[in-house]
Protein backbone atom coordinates (compact mmCIF):
# COMPACT_ATOMS: atom_id res chain seq x y z
CA MET A 1 -26.47 -5.94 13.58
CA ALA A 2 -26.42 -2.90 15.28
CA GLU A 3 -22.65 -2.21 15.22
CA ASN A 4 -22.73 -2.33 11.55
CA GLU A 5 -25.29 0.18 11.31
CA GLU A 6 -23.10 2.53 13.43
CA LYS A 7 -20.34 2.51 10.98
CA VAL A 8 -22.76 3.17 8.32
CA GLY A 9 -24.05 6.28 10.48
CA PHE A 10 -20.49 6.95 10.74
CA ALA A 11 -19.48 6.70 7.18
CA LYS A 12 -22.27 8.81 6.17
CA GLY A 13 -21.70 11.65 8.62
CA LEU A 14 -18.13 11.59 7.78
CA LYS A 15 -19.10 11.98 4.16
CA SER A 16 -21.45 15.02 5.08
CA GLU A 17 -18.65 16.68 6.86
CA PHE A 18 -15.85 16.45 3.87
CA GLY A 19 -18.58 17.93 1.74
CA LYS A 20 -18.82 21.15 3.92
CA ILE A 21 -14.86 21.71 3.51
CA ILE A 22 -13.90 24.87 1.67
CA TRP A 23 -10.56 23.97 0.08
CA PRO A 24 -8.22 26.64 -0.81
CA GLY A 25 -7.53 27.64 -4.19
CA LYS A 26 -4.00 27.58 -5.66
CA GLU A 27 -3.33 31.34 -5.42
CA ASP A 28 -4.63 31.31 -1.49
CA LEU A 29 -2.39 28.29 -0.90
CA ALA A 30 0.49 30.02 -2.60
CA LYS A 31 0.01 33.05 -0.41
CA GLN A 32 -0.10 31.42 2.70
CA ALA A 33 3.06 29.07 1.97
CA VAL A 34 4.88 32.18 1.52
CA VAL A 35 3.62 34.03 4.51
CA VAL A 36 4.23 30.98 6.60
CA THR A 37 7.55 30.50 5.16
CA LEU A 38 8.80 34.13 5.73
CA ILE A 39 7.27 33.92 9.27
CA SER A 40 9.38 31.09 10.37
CA VAL A 41 12.31 32.31 8.58
CA VAL A 42 12.02 35.85 10.48
CA LEU A 43 11.13 34.12 13.92
CA GLY A 44 14.26 31.41 13.47
CA ALA A 45 16.50 34.69 12.76
CA VAL A 46 15.25 36.33 16.19
CA ILE A 47 15.69 33.07 18.01
CA ALA A 48 19.56 32.88 16.46
CA VAL A 49 20.16 36.62 17.52
CA LEU A 50 18.60 36.19 20.87
CA ASP A 51 20.56 32.95 21.50
CA VAL A 52 24.03 34.74 20.60
CA VAL A 53 23.34 37.92 22.87
CA MET A 54 22.39 35.47 25.90
CA GLN A 55 25.58 33.36 25.33
CA TYR A 56 27.45 36.53 25.20
CA ALA A 57 25.95 37.72 28.15
CA ILE A 58 26.40 34.57 30.08
CA ASN A 59 29.99 34.42 29.11
CA LEU A 60 30.52 37.95 29.93
CA ILE A 61 29.04 37.44 33.69
CA ILE A 62 31.01 33.80 33.55
CA GLY A 63 34.22 35.54 32.95
CA ILE A 64 35.19 33.25 30.14
């Protein structure tokens, strides 16, 4: 019986916590999606450039 009461208490607490969540609106969500996409593209480009530079430097050192 105590196990059932714990489950009920957990469910009530979970429902209470979900009620406290502030969900973003469509505009905020769209802005955040654009920012995340742009940062990902820029970071990917930076990593690609670093990769090319490091590969060139390694080839120069090795003498290929």
